């Protein structure tokens, strides 16, 4: 075999088996060049036919460490407690409704059959003022269902209503709390 063919075979084998390439006659690892891009080294074909059996040494690829890339990941912030704010209004007139309890229920699968008007599973986090607005106490991060329930004399005029204008726990939308959130409004229709 001639030296050019042998050098070509060595390069192919090095790439297939070890994943190394010959650059400037040295193994530098796939895709890693020492200084400037140069073609893969090959031996030149002899100009004269050898008189004896060739004793040509072919450079072989030596493994070199491939740089390890360690991705940097931005630290994630832990969710913080948050305050829930919003307003309760009459669905027909748009008038603000005072004296409504805003109740949160920590969401869990299958919880709704036990949640009814007056249920003790939730906790009151705020009561609406004269303008119908409320601002809750600080709440831990989590997934909640939120309802507005009338108190006192309003209890006979309005029923409980769930956030995003839903009429029952099973149809209520979940609220993912990871910090302060506003616009959790209720448009409550009169009972009669």
Protein backbone atom coordinates (compact mmCIF):
# COMPACT_ATOMS: atom_id res chain seq x y z
CA UNK A 1 0.00 0.00 0.00
CA UNK A 2 1.20 3.47 -0.61
CA UNK A 3 1.69 5.99 2.19
CA UNK A 4 -1.17 8.26 1.02
CA UNK A 5 -3.70 5.43 1.20
CA UNK A 6 -2.45 4.34 4.63
CA UNK A 7 -2.68 7.89 5.99
CA UNK A 8 -6.24 8.18 4.65
CA UNK A 9 -7.25 4.92 6.29
CA UNK A 10 -5.75 6.02 9.60
CA UNK A 11 -7.70 9.28 9.48
CA UNK A 12 -10.99 7.52 8.70
CA UNK A 13 -10.42 4.92 11.41
CA UNK A 14 -9.49 7.58 13.93
CA UNK A 15 -12.68 9.49 13.16
CA UNK A 16 -14.89 6.40 13.29
CA UNK A 17 -13.38 4.68 16.29
CA UNK A 18 -11.95 7.37 18.50
CA UNK A 19 -13.61 10.50 17.25
CA UNK A 20 -10.27 12.26 16.68
CA UNK A 21 -8.95 14.19 13.72
CA UNK A 22 -5.42 14.81 12.61
CA UNK A 23 -4.66 18.50 12.43
CA UNK A 24 -1.12 19.64 11.72
CA UNK A 25 -0.07 16.02 12.26
CA UNK A 26 -1.42 15.92 15.83
CA UNK A 27 -4.63 14.56 17.30
CA UNK A 28 -6.57 17.46 18.74
CA UNK A 29 -10.04 16.03 19.26
CA UNK A 30 -13.02 16.57 17.01
CA UNK A 31 -13.62 20.20 16.22
CA UNK A 32 -10.70 21.48 18.25
CA UNK A 33 -7.95 23.23 16.30
CA UNK A 34 -4.63 24.25 17.81
CA UNK A 35 -4.00 27.53 16.01
CA UNK A 36 -5.39 28.02 12.56
CA UNK A 37 -7.62 25.86 10.45
CA UNK A 38 -5.53 23.61 8.23
CA UNK A 39 -6.47 20.64 6.14
CA UNK A 40 -6.17 17.17 7.61
CA UNK A 41 -2.57 16.04 7.31
CA UNK A 42 -1.75 13.34 4.80
CA UNK A 43 1.53 11.91 3.69
CA UNK A 44 2.72 12.73 0.21
CA UNK A 45 2.98 9.90 -2.30
CA UNK A 46 6.54 8.75 -2.79
CA UNK A 47 8.19 10.04 -5.95
CA UNK A 48 10.22 6.89 -6.46
CA UNK A 49 9.09 3.37 -6.06
CA UNK A 50 10.62 1.80 -2.99
CA UNK A 51 13.17 -0.89 -3.63
CA UNK A 52 12.56 -2.71 -0.39
CA UNK A 53 9.44 -3.24 1.65
CA UNK A 54 8.28 0.14 2.90
CA UNK A 55 8.89 0.90 6.57
CA UNK A 56 6.85 4.04 6.63
CA UNK A 57 5.61 5.22 9.99
CA UNK A 58 2.18 6.74 9.86
CA UNK A 59 1.24 9.37 12.42
CA UNK A 60 -1.57 8.16 14.60
CA UNK A 61 -4.14 10.20 16.38
CA UNK A 62 -3.61 10.62 20.07
CA UNK A 63 -6.58 11.51 22.16
CA UNK A 64 -6.60 14.96 23.68
CA UNK A 65 -9.04 16.18 26.24
CA UNK A 66 -12.08 17.77 24.74
CA UNK A 67 -13.13 20.82 26.75
CA UNK A 68 -16.06 20.15 29.02
CA UNK A 69 -18.84 22.66 28.66
CA UNK A 70 -20.76 23.26 31.85
CA UNK A 71 -23.97 25.17 31.23
CA UNK A 72 -24.64 28.00 33.59
CA UNK A 73 -28.17 28.09 34.85
CA UNK A 74 -29.64 31.26 36.27
CA UNK A 75 -30.79 30.70 39.81
CA UNK A 76 -34.53 30.50 40.11
CA UNK A 77 -36.27 32.54 42.70
CA UNK A 78 -38.54 30.78 45.10
CA UNK A 79 -42.14 31.92 44.88
CA UNK A 80 -42.99 34.56 47.44
CA UNK A 81 -46.10 35.23 49.44
CA UNK A 82 -48.59 37.45 47.71
CA UNK A 83 -51.59 39.67 48.24
CA UNK A 84 -54.76 39.10 46.23
CA UNK A 85 -56.78 42.19 45.28
CA UNK A 86 -59.97 42.77 43.36
CA UNK A 87 -63.54 43.98 43.46
CA UNK A 88 -67.03 42.49 43.91
CA UNK A 89 -69.90 44.01 41.94
CA UNK A 90 -73.54 43.27 41.16
CA UNK A 91 -73.58 41.39 37.81
CA UNK A 92 -76.72 43.25 36.59
CA UNK A 93 -76.05 46.82 37.68
CA UNK A 94 -72.27 46.93 38.12
CA UNK A 95 -72.80 48.48 41.58
CA UNK A 96 -70.08 47.68 44.12
CA UNK A 97 -71.01 45.12 46.77
CA UNK A 98 -69.76 45.67 50.31
CA UNK A 99 -69.67 43.07 53.07
CA UNK A 100 -68.66 40.04 50.96
CA UNK A 101 -66.16 37.57 52.41
CA UNK A 102 -63.36 36.61 50.06
CA UNK A 103 -62.53 32.99 50.83
CA UNK A 104 -59.59 30.95 49.53
CA UNK A 105 -59.44 27.17 49.32
CA UNK A 106 -56.08 25.44 48.92
CA UNK A 107 -56.67 23.43 45.75
CA UNK A 108 -56.49 19.65 45.80
CA UNK A 109 -57.91 17.14 43.36
CA UNK A 110 -61.40 15.96 44.25
CA UNK A 111 -62.01 18.72 46.80
CA UNK A 112 -65.16 20.24 45.32
CA UNK A 113 -67.81 17.80 46.54
CA UNK A 114 -66.99 18.94 50.11
CA UNK A 115 -66.95 22.65 49.28
CA UNK A 116 -70.36 24.28 49.58
CA UNK A 117 -71.64 27.64 50.75
CA UNK A 118 -70.59 28.02 54.36
CA UNK A 119 -67.97 25.23 54.13
CA UNK A 120 -65.21 25.31 56.73
CA UNK A 121 -62.58 24.05 54.24
CA UNK A 122 -61.65 27.57 53.15
CA UNK A 123 -60.50 30.61 55.07
CA UNK A 124 -61.61 34.23 54.87
CA UNK A 125 -58.76 36.40 53.66
CA UNK A 126 -60.61 39.70 53.21
CA UNK A 127 -63.99 41.46 53.38
CA UNK A 128 -65.08 43.93 50.71
CA UNK A 129 -65.35 47.60 51.63
CA UNK A 130 -68.05 50.14 50.65
CA UNK A 131 -66.57 50.41 47.13
CA UNK A 132 -66.63 46.61 46.70
CA UNK A 133 -62.86 46.32 46.69
CA UNK A 134 -60.72 44.05 48.84
CA UNK A 135 -57.08 43.35 49.55
CA UNK A 136 -56.16 40.06 51.18
CA UNK A 137 -53.75 39.25 53.92
CA UNK A 138 -50.44 37.83 52.65
CA UNK A 139 -50.95 34.33 51.25
CA UNK A 140 -48.43 31.54 50.80
CA UNK A 141 -47.62 30.54 47.21
CA UNK A 142 -49.85 27.81 45.84
CA UNK A 143 -52.90 26.96 43.80
CA UNK A 144 -56.18 28.28 45.15
CA UNK A 145 -59.86 28.46 44.37
CA UNK A 146 -61.34 31.81 45.40
CA UNK A 147 -64.96 32.66 46.19
CA UNK A 148 -66.96 35.71 47.20
CA UNK A 149 -69.69 34.95 49.76
CA UNK A 150 -72.24 37.49 51.02
CA UNK A 151 -72.40 38.27 54.75
CA UNK A 152 -75.22 39.47 56.94
CA UNK A 153 -78.29 40.89 55.15
CA UNK A 154 -76.79 40.29 51.70
CA UNK A 155 -76.85 36.51 52.26
CA UNK A 156 -80.50 36.32 51.17
CA UNK A 157 -79.96 38.53 48.11
CA UNK A 158 -76.80 36.94 46.65
CA UNK A 159 -75.21 33.52 46.68
CA UNK A 160 -71.55 32.52 46.73
CA UNK A 161 -69.72 33.13 43.49
CA UNK A 162 -66.35 31.85 42.29
CA UNK A 163 -63.53 33.74 40.67
CA UNK A 164 -63.77 34.28 36.92
CA UNK A 165 -67.58 34.35 37.16
CA UNK A 166 -68.15 30.69 37.92
CA UNK A 167 -71.16 29.49 39.88
CA UNK A 168 -69.70 26.41 41.59
CA UNK A 169 -66.50 24.98 42.98
CA UNK A 170 -66.37 22.27 40.32
CA UNK A 171 -66.40 24.89 37.53
CA UNK A 172 -64.13 27.37 39.34
CA UNK A 173 -60.85 28.44 37.78
CA UNK A 174 -57.64 27.80 39.69
CA UNK A 175 -55.54 30.75 40.78
CA UNK A 176 -51.76 30.18 40.76
CA UNK A 177 -50.32 32.49 43.39
CA UNK A 178 -46.58 33.20 43.21
CA UNK A 179 -46.63 36.84 44.34
CA UNK A 180 -49.01 39.79 44.39
CA UNK A 181 -51.93 39.47 41.97
CA UNK A 182 -54.70 41.93 41.18
CA UNK A 183 -57.88 41.88 39.15
CA UNK A 184 -59.44 38.92 40.91
CA UNK A 185 -62.93 40.35 40.43
CA UNK A 186 -66.40 38.93 40.94
CA UNK A 187 -69.61 39.99 39.14
CA UNK A 188 -72.20 38.32 41.36
CA UNK A 189 -75.76 37.88 40.07
CA UNK A 190 -78.63 38.48 42.51
CA UNK A 191 -80.29 35.32 43.86
CA UNK A 192 -83.79 36.53 42.99
